[in-house]
Amino acid sequence: MIDFVTIGTNNLKGAGVFYDAVFDVLGGQRSTEYEGLIMWSGKSGTGSVAVIAPFDKGSATVGNGTMLALAAGDPETVQAVHAKAIKMGGTDEGAPGPRGTGGFYGGYFRDLDGNKLVAFCRQEIK
């Protein structure tokens, strides 16, 4: 249903380095790049994420209550993405672990611009 998502940035080069590292763990790669925008796609070529300098030339700001969820296949990948994000200068917003009900397992972090993300998977409930 969602084809792509854009995240505002005030430092396109820094965001590129950050997301190159994070999406490498998930098997994503840069798929589009031009002045003011870098986009990554997964193996299927759909479900892309882009960082972009705001079109109006204003500062990128973080949306209160906005979060991007990155699908990871298993808890080990969730942990690896979370660790990579922190290593690349992101900030911890909640260590990887089970959350709520339904087998949800997630690790929360913020990127270099303060955007909130979660790497997650759903585990079988036993």
PDB file of N, CA and C in Angstrom:
ATOM      1  N   MET A   1       0.807  -1.183   0.000  1.00  0.00           N
ATOM      2  CA  MET A   1       0.000   0.000   0.000  1.00  0.00           C
ATOM      3  C   MET A   1       0.859   1.257   0.000  1.00  0.00           C
ATOM      4  N   ILE A   2       1.919   1.303   0.783  1.00  0.00           N
ATOM      5  CA  ILE A   2       2.822   2.454   0.778  1.00  0.00           C
ATOM      6  C   ILE A   2       3.976   2.135  -0.162  1.00  0.00           C
ATOM      7  N   ASP A   3       4.258   3.051  -1.067  1.00  0.00           N
ATOM      8  CA  ASP A   3       5.345   2.851  -2.011  1.00  0.00           C
ATOM      9  C   ASP A   3       6.650   3.447  -1.490  1.00  0.00           C
ATOM     10  N   PHE A   4       6.596   4.679  -0.962  1.00  0.00           N
ATOM     11  CA  PHE A   4       7.799   5.271  -0.399  1.00  0.00           C
ATOM     12  C   PHE A   4       7.435   6.272   0.693  1.00  0.00           C
ATOM     13  N   VAL A   5       8.428   6.563   1.521  1.00  0.00           N
ATOM     14  CA  VAL A   5       8.312   7.515   2.610  1.00  0.00           C
ATOM     15  C   VAL A   5       9.500   8.459   2.504  1.00  0.00           C
ATOM     16  N   THR A   6       9.282   9.742   2.765  1.00  0.00           N
ATOM     17  CA  THR A   6      10.401  10.676   2.815  1.00  0.00           C
ATOM     18  C   THR A   6      10.574  11.194   4.237  1.00  0.00           C
ATOM     19  N   ILE A   7      11.828  11.396   4.601  1.00  0.00           N
ATOM     20  CA  ILE A   7      12.200  11.925   5.909  1.00  0.00           C
ATOM     21  C   ILE A   7      13.022  13.177   5.649  1.00  0.00           C
ATOM     22  N   GLY A   8      12.641  14.280   6.271  1.00  0.00           N
ATOM     23  CA  GLY A   8      13.391  15.520   6.100  1.00  0.00           C
ATOM     24  C   GLY A   8      14.738  15.466   6.784  1.00  0.00           C
ATOM     25  N   THR A   9      15.708  16.137   6.181  1.00  0.00           N
ATOM     26  CA  THR A   9      17.037  16.217   6.783  1.00  0.00           C
ATOM     27  C   THR A   9      17.625  17.606   6.574  1.00  0.00           C
ATOM     28  N   ASN A  10      18.466  18.012   7.510  1.00  0.00           N
ATOM     29  CA  ASN A  10      19.214  19.262   7.402  1.00  0.00           C
ATOM     30  C   ASN A  10      20.660  18.993   6.992  1.00  0.00           C
ATOM     31  N   ASN A  11      21.027  17.717   6.840  1.00  0.00           N
ATOM     32  CA  ASN A  11      22.389  17.335   6.466  1.00  0.00           C
ATOM     33  C   ASN A  11      22.294  16.107   5.566  1.00  0.00           C
ATOM     34  N   LEU A  12      22.089  16.325   4.278  1.00  0.00           N
ATOM     35  CA  LEU A  12      21.876  15.221   3.348  1.00  0.00           C
ATOM     36  C   LEU A  12      23.066  14.266   3.320  1.00  0.00           C
ATOM     37  N   LYS A  13      24.272  14.793   3.306  1.00  0.00           N
ATOM     38  CA  LYS A  13      25.456  13.926   3.271  1.00  0.00           C
ATOM     39  C   LYS A  13      25.527  13.051   4.522  1.00  0.00           C
ATOM     40  N   GLY A  14      25.350  13.639   5.695  1.00  0.00           N
ATOM     41  CA  GLY A  14      25.381  12.878   6.942  1.00  0.00           C
ATOM     42  C   GLY A  14      24.263  11.854   7.015  1.00  0.00           C
ATOM     43  N   ALA A  15      23.059  12.243   6.573  1.00  0.00           N
ATOM     44  CA  ALA A  15      21.936  11.304   6.554  1.00  0.00           C
ATOM     45  C   ALA A  15      22.225  10.158   5.595  1.00  0.00           C
ATOM     46  N   GLY A  16      22.878  10.451   4.472  1.00  0.00           N
ATOM     47  CA  GLY A  16      23.234   9.397   3.515  1.00  0.00           C
ATOM     48  C   GLY A  16      24.143   8.358   4.135  1.00  0.00           C
ATOM     49  N   VAL A  17      25.156   8.805   4.854  1.00  0.00           N
ATOM     50  CA  VAL A  17      26.092   7.880   5.513  1.00  0.00           C
ATOM     51  C   VAL A  17      25.361   7.057   6.573  1.00  0.00           C
ATOM     52  N   PHE A  18      24.516   7.719   7.383  1.00  0.00           N
ATOM     53  CA  PHE A  18      23.756   7.039   8.435  1.00  0.00           C
ATOM     54  C   PHE A  18      22.865   5.949   7.847  1.00  0.00           C
ATOM     55  N   TYR A  19      22.050   6.301   6.857  1.00  0.00           N
ATOM     56  CA  TYR A  19      21.105   5.336   6.296  1.00  0.00           C
ATOM     57  C   TYR A  19      21.775   4.289   5.406  1.00  0.00           C
ATOM     58  N   ASP A  20      22.908   4.610   4.778  1.00  0.00           N
ATOM     59  CA  ASP A  20      23.664   3.566   4.073  1.00  0.00           C
ATOM     60  C   ASP A  20      23.982   2.429   5.038  1.00  0.00           C
ATOM     61  N   ALA A  21      24.448   2.789   6.233  1.00  0.00           N
ATOM     62  CA  ALA A  21      24.829   1.783   7.229  1.00  0.00           C
ATOM     63  C   ALA A  21      23.613   1.032   7.754  1.00  0.00           C
ATOM     64  N   VAL A  22      22.543   1.755   8.092  1.00  0.00           N
ATOM     65  CA  VAL A  22      21.349   1.120   8.649  1.00  0.00           C
ATOM     66  C   VAL A  22      20.698   0.192   7.620  1.00  0.00           C
ATOM     67  N   PHE A  23      20.514   0.668   6.385  1.00  0.00           N
ATOM     68  CA  PHE A  23      19.837  -0.154   5.379  1.00  0.00           C
ATOM     69  C   PHE A  23      20.712  -1.286   4.864  1.00  0.00           C
ATOM     70  N   ASP A  24      22.021  -1.164   5.008  1.00  0.00           N
ATOM     71  CA  ASP A  24      22.901  -2.274   4.654  1.00  0.00           C
ATOM     72  C   ASP A  24      22.576  -3.508   5.499  1.00  0.00           C
ATOM     73  N   VAL A  25      22.281  -3.290   6.779  1.00  0.00           N
ATOM     74  CA  VAL A  25      21.927  -4.400   7.669  1.00  0.00           C
ATOM     75  C   VAL A  25      20.639  -5.074   7.198  1.00  0.00           C
ATOM     76  N   LEU A  26      19.715  -4.300   6.614  1.00  0.00           N
ATOM     77  CA  LEU A  26      18.422  -4.823   6.172  1.00  0.00           C
ATOM     78  C   LEU A  26      18.417  -5.276   4.715  1.00  0.00           C
ATOM     79  N   GLY A  27      19.552  -5.163   4.032  1.00  0.00           N
ATOM     80  CA  GLY A  27      19.624  -5.585   2.642  1.00  0.00           C
ATOM     81  C   GLY A  27      19.153  -4.537   1.651  1.00  0.00           C
ATOM     82  N   GLY A  28      19.021  -3.309   2.101  1.00  0.00           N
ATOM     83  CA  GLY A  28      18.620  -2.224   1.199  1.00  0.00           C
ATOM     84  C   GLY A  28      19.826  -1.545   0.588  1.00  0.00           C
ATOM     85  N   GLN A  29      19.586  -0.854  -0.513  1.00  0.00           N
ATOM     86  CA  GLN A  29      20.679  -0.118  -1.159  1.00  0.00           C
ATOM     87  C   GLN A  29      20.133   1.148  -1.796  1.00  0.00           C
ATOM     88  N   ARG A  30      21.035   2.094  -2.040  1.00  0.00           N
ATOM     89  CA  ARG A  30      20.626   3.326  -2.705  1.00  0.00           C
ATOM     90  C   ARG A  30      20.045   2.989  -4.072  1.00  0.00           C
ATOM     91  N   SER A  31      18.885   3.561  -4.360  1.00  0.00           N
ATOM     92  CA  SER A  31      18.236   3.298  -5.635  1.00  0.00           C
ATOM     93  C   SER A  31      18.067   4.562  -6.472  1.00  0.00           C
ATOM     94  N   THR A  32      18.046   5.712  -5.828  1.00  0.00           N
ATOM     95  CA  THR A  32      17.888   6.988  -6.519  1.00  0.00           C
ATOM     96  C   THR A  32      18.671   8.039  -5.754  1.00  0.00           C
ATOM     97  N   GLU A  33      19.302   8.920  -6.485  1.00  0.00           N
ATOM     98  CA  GLU A  33      20.027  10.010  -5.842  1.00  0.00           C
ATOM     99  C   GLU A  33      20.099  11.184  -6.806  1.00  0.00           C
ATOM    100  N   TYR A  34      19.706  12.333  -6.326  1.00  0.00           N
ATOM    101  CA  TYR A  34      19.872  13.567  -7.078  1.00  0.00           C
ATOM    102  C   TYR A  34      19.932  14.712  -6.089  1.00  0.00           C
ATOM    103  N   GLU A  35      20.135  15.910  -6.577  1.00  0.00           N
ATOM    104  CA  GLU A  35      20.309  17.061  -5.700  1.00  0.00           C
ATOM    105  C   GLU A  35      19.158  17.160  -4.702  1.00  0.00           C
ATOM    106  N   GLY A  36      19.488  17.074  -3.429  1.00  0.00           N
ATOM    107  CA  GLY A  36      18.504  17.228  -2.374  1.00  0.00           C
ATOM    108  C   GLY A  36      17.790  15.965  -1.937  1.00  0.00           C
ATOM    109  N   LEU A  37      18.088  14.803  -2.553  1.00  0.00           N
ATOM    110  CA  LEU A  37      17.372  13.569  -2.202  1.00  0.00           C
ATOM    111  C   LEU A  37      18.264  12.352  -2.381  1.00  0.00           C
ATOM    112  N   ILE A  38      18.161  11.422  -1.431  1.00  0.00           N
ATOM    113  CA  ILE A  38      18.762  10.089  -1.546  1.00  0.00           C
ATOM    114  C   ILE A  38      17.671   9.094  -1.166  1.00  0.00           C
ATOM    115  N   MET A  39      17.509   8.023  -1.967  1.00  0.00           N
ATOM    116  CA  MET A  39      16.480   7.017  -1.710  1.00  0.00           C
ATOM    117  C   MET A  39      17.101   5.625  -1.671  1.00  0.00           C
ATOM    118  N   TRP A  40      16.572   4.788  -0.777  1.00  0.00           N
ATOM    119  CA  TRP A  40      16.998   3.393  -0.659  1.00  0.00           C
ATOM    120  C   TRP A  40      15.799   2.499  -0.915  1.00  0.00           C
ATOM    121  N   SER A  41      16.046   1.355  -1.536  1.00  0.00           N
ATOM    122  CA  SER A  41      14.996   0.367  -1.776  1.00  0.00           C
ATOM    123  C   SER A  41      15.459  -0.989  -1.286  1.00  0.00           C
ATOM    124  N   GLY A  42      14.478  -1.817  -0.934  1.00  0.00           N
ATOM    125  CA  GLY A  42      14.769  -3.174  -0.527  1.00  0.00           C
ATOM    126  C   GLY A  42      14.978  -4.069  -1.734  1.00  0.00           C
ATOM    127  N   LYS A  43      15.166  -5.323  -1.460  1.00  0.00           N
ATOM    128  CA  LYS A  43      15.446  -6.302  -2.517  1.00  0.00           C
ATOM    129  C   LYS A  43      14.349  -6.378  -3.569  1.00  0.00           C
ATOM    130  N   SER A  44      13.102  -6.173  -3.167  1.00  0.00           N
ATOM    131  CA  SER A  44      11.992  -6.269  -4.117  1.00  0.00           C
ATOM    132  C   SER A  44      11.852  -5.020  -4.976  1.00  0.00           C
ATOM    133  N   GLY A  45      12.553  -3.943  -4.618  1.00  0.00           N
ATOM    134  CA  GLY A  45      12.475  -2.702  -5.374  1.00  0.00           C
ATOM    135  C   GLY A  45      11.313  -1.813  -4.989  1.00  0.00           C
ATOM    136  N   THR A  46      10.483  -2.244  -4.046  1.00  0.00           N
ATOM    137  CA  THR A  46       9.384  -1.411  -3.570  1.00  0.00           C
ATOM    138  C   THR A  46       9.573  -1.132  -2.095  1.00  0.00           C
ATOM    139  N   GLY A  47       8.745  -0.272  -1.563  1.00  0.00           N
ATOM    140  CA  GLY A  47       8.867   0.054  -0.153  1.00  0.00           C
ATOM    141  C   GLY A  47      10.108   0.880   0.118  1.00  0.00           C
ATOM    142  N   SER A  48      10.286   1.973  -0.617  1.00  0.00           N
ATOM    143  CA  SER A  48      11.490   2.799  -0.518  1.00  0.00           C
ATOM    144  C   SER A  48      11.394   3.839   0.587  1.00  0.00           C
ATOM    145  N   VAL A  49      12.563   4.251   1.070  1.00  0.00           N
ATOM    146  CA  VAL A  49      12.697   5.317   2.052  1.00  0.00           C
ATOM    147  C   VAL A  49      13.666   6.340   1.478  1.00  0.00           C
ATOM    148  N   ALA A  50      13.296   7.620   1.574  1.00  0.00           N
ATOM    149  CA  ALA A  50      14.154   8.684   1.066  1.00  0.00           C
ATOM    150  C   ALA A  50      14.409   9.714   2.153  1.00  0.00           C
ATOM    151  N   VAL A  51      15.596  10.302   2.141  1.00  0.00           N
ATOM    152  CA  VAL A  51      15.876  11.499   2.932  1.00  0.00           C
ATOM    153  C   VAL A  51      15.920  12.645   1.939  1.00  0.00           C
ATOM    154  N   ILE A  52      15.380  13.781   2.360  1.00  0.00           N
ATOM    155  CA  ILE A  52      15.226  14.892   1.434  1.00  0.00           C
ATOM    156  C   ILE A  52      15.397  16.226   2.155  1.00  0.00           C
ATOM    157  N   ALA A  53      16.052  17.150   1.489  1.00  0.00           N
ATOM    158  CA  ALA A  53      16.090  18.522   1.982  1.00  0.00           C
ATOM    159  C   ALA A  53      14.716  19.123   1.688  1.00  0.00           C
ATOM    160  N   PRO A  54      14.070  19.791   2.640  1.00  0.00           N
ATOM    161  CA  PRO A  54      12.734  20.322   2.402  1.00  0.00           C
ATOM    162  C   PRO A  54      12.670  21.215   1.158  1.00  0.00           C
ATOM    163  N   PHE A  55      11.629  21.001   0.371  1.00  0.00           N
ATOM    164  CA  PHE A  55      11.431  21.722  -0.881  1.00  0.00           C
ATOM    165  C   PHE A  55      11.337  23.236  -0.660  1.00  0.00           C
ATOM    166  N   ASP A  56      10.742  23.634   0.460  1.00  0.00           N
ATOM    167  CA  ASP A  56      10.552  25.062   0.724  1.00  0.00           C
ATOM    168  C   ASP A  56      11.811  25.747   1.256  1.00  0.00           C
ATOM    169  N   LYS A  57      12.924  24.991   1.315  1.00  0.00           N
ATOM    170  CA  LYS A  57      14.224  25.503   1.783  1.00  0.00           C
ATOM    171  C   LYS A  57      14.236  25.822   3.272  1.00  0.00           C
ATOM    172  N   GLY A  58      13.152  25.514   3.985  1.00  0.00           N
ATOM    173  CA  GLY A  58      13.124  25.698   5.428  1.00  0.00           C
ATOM    174  C   GLY A  58      13.858  24.557   6.116  1.00  0.00           C
ATOM    175  N   SER A  59      13.946  24.640   7.419  1.00  0.00           N
ATOM    176  CA  SER A  59      14.598  23.591   8.197  1.00  0.00           C
ATOM    177  C   SER A  59      13.709  22.362   8.282  1.00  0.00           C
ATOM    178  N   ALA A  60      14.317  21.196   8.199  1.00  0.00           N
ATOM    179  CA  ALA A  60      13.600  19.952   8.452  1.00  0.00           C
ATOM    180  C   ALA A  60      13.342  19.875   9.945  1.00  0.00           C
ATOM    181  N   THR A  61      12.143  19.485  10.326  1.00  0.00           N
ATOM    182  CA  THR A  61      11.797  19.321  11.733  1.00  0.00           C
ATOM    183  C   THR A  61      11.180  17.941  11.934  1.00  0.00           C
ATOM    184  N   VAL A  62      11.212  17.488  13.157  1.00  0.00           N
ATOM    185  CA  VAL A  62      10.709  16.164  13.506  1.00  0.00           C
ATOM    186  C   VAL A  62       9.220  16.261  13.807  1.00  0.00           C
ATOM    187  N   GLY A  63       8.428  15.357  13.244  1.00  0.00           N
ATOM    188  CA  GLY A  63       6.995  15.323  13.523  1.00  0.00           C
ATOM    189  C   GLY A  63       6.726  14.653  14.856  1.00  0.00           C
ATOM    190  N   ASN A  64       5.997  15.321  15.723  1.00  0.00           N
ATOM    191  CA  ASN A  64       5.655  14.744  17.012  1.00  0.00           C
ATOM    192  C   ASN A  64       4.671  13.600  16.805  1.00  0.00           C
ATOM    193  N   GLY A  65       5.019  12.412  17.240  1.00  0.00           N
ATOM    194  CA  GLY A  65       4.177  11.244  17.066  1.00  0.00           C
ATOM    195  C   GLY A  65       4.427  10.500  15.765  1.00  0.00           C
ATOM    196  N   THR A  66       5.338  11.005  14.945  1.00  0.00           N
ATOM    197  CA  THR A  66       5.664  10.360  13.679  1.00  0.00           C
ATOM    198  C   THR A  66       6.795   9.375  13.896  1.00  0.00           C
ATOM    199  N   MET A  67       6.665   8.179  13.318  1.00  0.00           N
ATOM    200  CA  MET A  67       7.705   7.168  13.439  1.00  0.00           C
ATOM    201  C   MET A  67       7.688   6.309  12.186  1.00  0.00           C
ATOM    202  N   LEU A  68       8.859   5.936  11.734  1.00  0.00           N
ATOM    203  CA  LEU A  68       9.005   5.060  10.588  1.00  0.00           C
ATOM    204  C   LEU A  68       9.366   3.669  11.094  1.00  0.00           C
ATOM    205  N   ALA A  69       8.614   2.652  10.672  1.00  0.00           N
ATOM    206  CA  ALA A  69       8.860   1.270  11.084  1.00  0.00           C
ATOM    207  C   ALA A  69       9.577   0.527   9.970  1.00  0.00           C
ATOM    208  N   LEU A  70      10.728  -0.066  10.294  1.00  0.00           N
ATOM    209  CA  LEU A  70      11.545  -0.815   9.344  1.00  0.00           C
ATOM    210  C   LEU A  70      11.399  -2.306   9.633  1.00  0.00           C
ATOM    211  N   ALA A  71      10.904  -3.049   8.658  1.00  0.00           N
ATOM    212  CA  ALA A  71      10.695  -4.481   8.849  1.00  0.00           C
ATOM    213  C   ALA A  71      12.022  -5.230   8.851  1.00  0.00           C
ATOM    214  N   ALA A  72      12.232  -6.014   9.887  1.00  0.00           N
ATOM    215  CA  ALA A  72      13.410  -6.879  10.004  1.00  0.00           C
ATOM    216  C   ALA A  72      12.886  -8.307  10.167  1.00  0.00           C
ATOM    217  N   GLY A  73      13.603  -9.269   9.688  1.00  0.00           N
ATOM    218  CA  GLY A  73      13.101 -10.638   9.662  1.00  0.00           C
ATOM    219  C   GLY A  73      13.084 -11.375  10.977  1.00  0.00           C
ATOM    220  N   ASP A  74      13.931 -10.948  11.903  1.00  0.00           N
ATOM    221  CA  ASP A  74      14.056 -11.703  13.146  1.00  0.00           C
ATOM    222  C   ASP A  74      14.671 -10.813  14.223  1.00  0.00           C
ATOM    223  N   PRO A  75      14.626 -11.249  15.491  1.00  0.00           N
ATOM    224  CA  PRO A  75      15.169 -10.430  16.575  1.00  0.00           C
ATOM    225  C   PRO A  75      16.654 -10.091  16.400  1.00  0.00           C
ATOM    226  N   GLU A  76      17.424 -11.004  15.826  1.00  0.00           N
ATOM    227  CA  GLU A  76      18.857 -10.736  15.641  1.00  0.00           C
ATOM    228  C   GLU A  76      19.070  -9.562  14.678  1.00  0.00           C
ATOM    229  N   THR A  77      18.246  -9.482  13.639  1.00  0.00           N
ATOM    230  CA  THR A  77      18.358  -8.367  12.700  1.00  0.00           C
ATOM    231  C   THR A  77      17.900  -7.068  13.357  1.00  0.00           C
ATOM    232  N   VAL A  78      16.845  -7.137  14.157  1.00  0.00           N
ATOM    233  CA  VAL A  78      16.406  -5.955  14.915  1.00  0.00           C
ATOM    234  C   VAL A  78      17.564  -5.443  15.762  1.00  0.00           C
ATOM    235  N   GLN A  79      18.226  -6.343  16.479  1.00  0.00           N
ATOM    236  CA  GLN A  79      19.346  -5.951  17.338  1.00  0.00           C
ATOM    237  C   GLN A  79      20.487  -5.357  16.517  1.00  0.00           C
ATOM    238  N   ALA A  80      20.776  -5.936  15.360  1.00  0.00           N
ATOM    239  CA  ALA A  80      21.867  -5.450  14.512  1.00  0.00           C
ATOM    240  C   ALA A  80      21.561  -4.061  13.956  1.00  0.00           C
ATOM    241  N   VAL A  81      20.325  -3.840  13.517  1.00  0.00           N
ATOM    242  CA  VAL A  81      19.940  -2.517  12.997  1.00  0.00           C
ATOM    243  C   VAL A  81      20.037  -1.478  14.106  1.00  0.00           C
ATOM    244  N   HIS A  82      19.491  -1.793  15.263  1.00  0.00           N
ATOM    245  CA  HIS A  82      19.530  -0.860  16.397  1.00  0.00           C
ATOM    246  C   HIS A  82      20.977  -0.527  16.761  1.00  0.00           C
ATOM    247  N   ALA A  83      21.814  -1.535  16.861  1.00  0.00           N
ATOM    248  CA  ALA A  83      23.227  -1.319  17.204  1.00  0.00           C
ATOM    249  C   ALA A  83      23.934  -0.472  16.146  1.00  0.00           C
ATOM    250  N   LYS A  84      23.661  -0.743  14.879  1.00  0.00           N
ATOM    251  CA  LYS A  84      24.282   0.024  13.798  1.00  0.00           C
ATOM    252  C   LYS A  84      23.840   1.484  13.857  1.00  0.00           C
ATOM    253  N   ALA A  85      22.554   1.717  14.099  1.00  0.00           N
ATOM    254  CA  ALA A  85      22.046   3.087  14.191  1.00  0.00           C
ATOM    255  C   ALA A  85      22.745   3.858  15.312  1.00  0.00           C
ATOM    256  N   ILE A  86      22.907   3.232  16.459  1.00  0.00           N
ATOM    257  CA  ILE A  86      23.573   3.885  17.586  1.00  0.00           C
ATOM    258  C   ILE A  86      25.045   4.125  17.243  1.00  0.00           C
ATOM    259  N   LYS A  87      25.697   3.146  16.644  1.00  0.00           N
ATOM    260  CA  LYS A  87      27.109   3.281  16.252  1.00  0.00           C
ATOM    261  C   LYS A  87      27.305   4.439  15.269  1.00  0.00           C
ATOM    262  N   MET A  88      26.314   4.665  14.416  1.00  0.00           N
ATOM    263  CA  MET A  88      26.409   5.704  13.390  1.00  0.00           C
ATOM    264  C   MET A  88      25.998   7.081  13.909  1.00  0.00           C
ATOM    265  N   GLY A  89      25.770   7.201  15.211  1.00  0.00           N
ATOM    266  CA  GLY A  89      25.465   8.501  15.802  1.00  0.00           C
ATOM    267  C   GLY A  89      24.008   8.722  16.144  1.00  0.00           C
ATOM    268  N   GLY A  90      23.164   7.710  15.903  1.00  0.00           N
ATOM    269  CA  GLY A  90      21.767   7.809  16.289  1.00  0.00           C
ATOM    270  C   GLY A  90      21.646   7.717  17.808  1.00  0.00           C
ATOM    271  N   THR A  91      20.465   8.008  18.318  1.00  0.00           N
ATOM    272  CA  THR A  91      20.252   7.934  19.758  1.00  0.00           C
ATOM    273  C   THR A  91      19.233   6.840  20.077  1.00  0.00           C
ATOM    274  N   ASP A  92      19.452   6.195  21.209  1.00  0.00           N
ATOM    275  CA  ASP A  92      18.604   5.091  21.661  1.00  0.00           C
ATOM    276  C   ASP A  92      17.273   5.640  22.161  1.00  0.00           C
ATOM    277  N   GLU A  93      16.183   5.050  21.690  1.00  0.00           N
ATOM    278  CA  GLU A  93      14.839   5.407  22.155  1.00  0.00           C
ATOM    279  C   GLU A  93      14.134   4.201  22.763  1.00  0.00           C
ATOM    280  N   GLY A  94      14.860   3.113  22.937  1.00  0.00           N
ATOM    281  CA  GLY A  94      14.273   1.901  23.515  1.00  0.00           C
ATOM    282  C   GLY A  94      15.004   0.683  22.985  1.00  0.00           C
ATOM    283  N   ALA A  95      15.739   0.011  23.855  1.00  0.00           N
ATOM    284  CA  ALA A  95      16.536  -1.146  23.456  1.00  0.00           C
ATOM    285  C   ALA A  95      15.662  -2.234  22.838  1.00  0.00           C
ATOM    286  N   PRO A  96      16.231  -3.039  21.947  1.00  0.00           N
ATOM    287  CA  PRO A  96      15.464  -4.120  21.337  1.00  0.00           C
ATOM    288  C   PRO A  96      14.888  -5.069  22.390  1.00  0.00           C
ATOM    289  N   GLY A  97      13.638  -5.448  22.137  1.00  0.00           N
ATOM    290  CA  GLY A  97      12.973  -6.378  23.032  1.00  0.00           C
ATOM    291  C   GLY A  97      11.506  -6.488  22.697  1.00  0.00           C
ATOM    292  N   PRO A  98      10.814  -7.410  23.378  1.00  0.00           N
ATOM    293  CA  PRO A  98       9.378  -7.571  23.136  1.00  0.00           C
ATOM    294  C   PRO A  98       8.611  -6.344  23.616  1.00  0.00           C
ATOM    295  N   ARG A  99       7.548  -6.015  22.875  1.00  0.00           N
ATOM    296  CA  ARG A  99       6.701  -4.880  23.234  1.00  0.00           C
ATOM    297  C   ARG A  99       5.242  -5.305  23.090  1.00  0.00           C
ATOM    298  N   GLY A 100       4.434  -4.903  24.017  1.00  0.00           N
ATOM    299  CA  GLY A 100       3.001  -5.119  23.914  1.00  0.00           C
ATOM    300  C   GLY A 100       2.625  -6.577  23.750  1.00  0.00           C
ATOM    301  N   THR A 101       1.652  -6.808  22.876  1.00  0.00           N
ATOM    302  CA  THR A 101       1.152  -8.150  22.641  1.00  0.00           C
ATOM    303  C   THR A 101       1.327  -8.506  21.173  1.00  0.00           C
ATOM    304  N   GLY A 102       1.049  -9.731  20.818  1.00  0.00           N
ATOM    305  CA  GLY A 102       1.078 -10.140  19.423  1.00  0.00           C
ATOM    306  C   GLY A 102       2.450 -10.494  18.888  1.00  0.00           C
ATOM    307  N   GLY A 103       3.433 -10.681  19.763  1.00  0.00           N
ATOM    308  CA  GLY A 103       4.761 -11.087  19.325  1.00  0.00           C
ATOM    309  C   GLY A 103       5.615  -9.981  18.743  1.00  0.00           C
ATOM    310  N   PHE A 104       5.228  -8.705  18.944  1.00  0.00           N
ATOM    311  CA  PHE A 104       5.998  -7.586  18.416  1.00  0.00           C
ATOM    312  C   PHE A 104       7.332  -7.484  19.152  1.00  0.00           C
ATOM    313  N   TYR A 105       8.428  -7.365  18.384  1.00  0.00           N
ATOM    314  CA  TYR A 105       9.782  -7.236  18.932  1.00  0.00           C
ATOM    315  C   TYR A 105      10.419  -6.052  18.214  1.00  0.00           C
ATOM    316  N   GLY A 106      10.796  -5.016  18.952  1.00  0.00           N
ATOM    317  CA  GLY A 106      11.322  -3.828  18.294  1.00  0.00           C
ATOM    318  C   GLY A 106      12.447  -3.167  19.055  1.00  0.00           C
ATOM    319  N   GLY A 107      13.267  -2.435  18.312  1.00  0.00           N
ATOM    320  CA  GLY A 107      14.332  -1.600  18.850  1.00  0.00           C
ATOM    321  C   GLY A 107      14.165  -0.201  18.286  1.00  0.00           C
ATOM    322  N   TYR A 108      14.043   0.797  19.141  1.00  0.00           N
ATOM    323  CA  TYR A 108      13.720   2.164  18.746  1.00  0.00           C
ATOM    324  C   TYR A 108      14.959   3.055  18.777  1.00  0.00           C
ATOM    325  N   PHE A 109      15.045   3.949  17.793  1.00  0.00           N
ATOM    326  CA  PHE A 109      16.168   4.882  17.741  1.00  0.00           C
ATOM    327  C   PHE A 109      15.777   6.132  16.971  1.00  0.00           C
ATOM    328  N   ARG A 110      16.584   7.165  17.118  1.00  0.00           N
ATOM    329  CA  ARG A 110      16.426   8.400  16.345  1.00  0.00           C
ATOM    330  C   ARG A 110      17.641   8.565  15.444  1.00  0.00           C
ATOM    331  N   ASP A 111      17.386   9.108  14.250  1.00  0.00           N
ATOM    332  CA  ASP A 111      18.478   9.354  13.311  1.00  0.00           C
ATOM    333  C   ASP A 111      19.193  10.653  13.673  1.00  0.00           C
ATOM    334  N   LEU A 112      20.088  11.094  12.830  1.00  0.00           N
ATOM    335  CA  LEU A 112      20.901  12.276  13.114  1.00  0.00           C
ATOM    336  C   LEU A 112      20.087  13.566  13.162  1.00  0.00           C
ATOM    337  N   ASP A 113      18.911  13.582  12.535  1.00  0.00           N
ATOM    338  CA  ASP A 113      18.038  14.755  12.553  1.00  0.00           C
ATOM    339  C   ASP A 113      16.962  14.662  13.624  1.00  0.00           C
ATOM    340  N   GLY A 114      16.933  13.561  14.376  1.00  0.00           N
ATOM    341  CA  GLY A 114      15.949  13.389  15.434  1.00  0.00           C
ATOM    342  C   GLY A 114      14.690  12.647  15.030  1.00  0.00           C
ATOM    343  N   ASN A 115      14.623  12.152  13.788  1.00  0.00           N
ATOM    344  CA  ASN A 115      13.471  11.366  13.351  1.00  0.00           C
ATOM    345  C   ASN A 115      13.465  10.027  14.082  1.00  0.00           C
ATOM    346  N   LYS A 116      12.283   9.605  14.543  1.00  0.00           N
ATOM    347  CA  LYS A 116      12.165   8.359  15.298  1.00  0.00           C
ATOM    348  C   LYS A 116      11.870   7.192  14.358  1.00  0.00           C
ATOM    349  N   LEU A 117      12.603   6.096  14.553  1.00  0.00           N
ATOM    350  CA  LEU A 117      12.416   4.868  13.782  1.00  0.00           C
ATOM    351  C   LEU A 117      12.366   3.679  14.723  1.00  0.00           C
ATOM    352  N   VAL A 118      11.797   2.591  14.230  1.00  0.00           N
ATOM    353  CA  VAL A 118      11.833   1.325  14.940  1.00  0.00           C
ATOM    354  C   VAL A 118      12.171   0.237  13.929  1.00  0.00           C
ATOM    355  N   ALA A 119      13.111  -0.609  14.272  1.00  0.00           N
ATOM    356  CA  ALA A 119      13.348  -1.848  13.529  1.00  0.00           C
ATOM    357  C   ALA A 119      12.559  -2.902  14.289  1.00  0.00           C
ATOM    358  N   PHE A 120      11.746  -3.691  13.566  1.00  0.00           N
ATOM    359  CA  PHE A 120      10.872  -4.623  14.275  1.00  0.00           C
ATOM    360  C   PHE A 120      10.675  -5.914  13.492  1.00  0.00           C
ATOM    361  N   CYS A 121      10.196  -6.909  14.215  1.00  0.00           N
ATOM    362  CA  CYS A 121       9.718  -8.151  13.618  1.00  0.00           C
ATOM    363  C   CYS A 121       8.579  -8.653  14.486  1.00  0.00           C
ATOM    364  N   ARG A 122       7.877  -9.622  13.983  1.00  0.00           N
ATOM    365  CA  ARG A 122       6.823 -10.266  14.770  1.00  0.00           C
ATOM    366  C   ARG A 122       7.263 -11.706  15.010  1.00  0.00           C
ATOM    367  N   GLN A 123       7.274 -12.088  16.282  1.00  0.00           N
ATOM    368  CA  GLN A 123       7.678 -13.434  16.663  1.00  0.00           C
ATOM    369  C   GLN A 123       6.452 -14.299  16.881  1.00  0.00           C
ATOM    370  N   GLU A 124       6.637 -15.581  16.637  1.00  0.00           N
ATOM    371  CA  GLU A 124       5.559 -16.532  16.923  1.00  0.00           C
ATOM    372  C   GLU A 124       5.384 -16.602  18.435  1.00  0.00           C
ATOM    373  N   ILE A 125       4.144 -16.539  18.867  1.00  0.00           N
ATOM    374  CA  ILE A 125       3.836 -16.623  20.296  1.00  0.00           C
ATOM    375  C   ILE A 125       3.637 -18.090  20.653  1.00  0.00           C
ATOM    376  N   LYS A 126       4.365 -18.520  21.681  1.00  0.00           N
ATOM    377  CA  LYS A 126       4.286 -19.933  22.094  1.00  0.00           C
ATOM    378  C   LYS A 126       3.549 -20.059  23.385  1.00  0.00           C
TER     379      LYS A 126
END
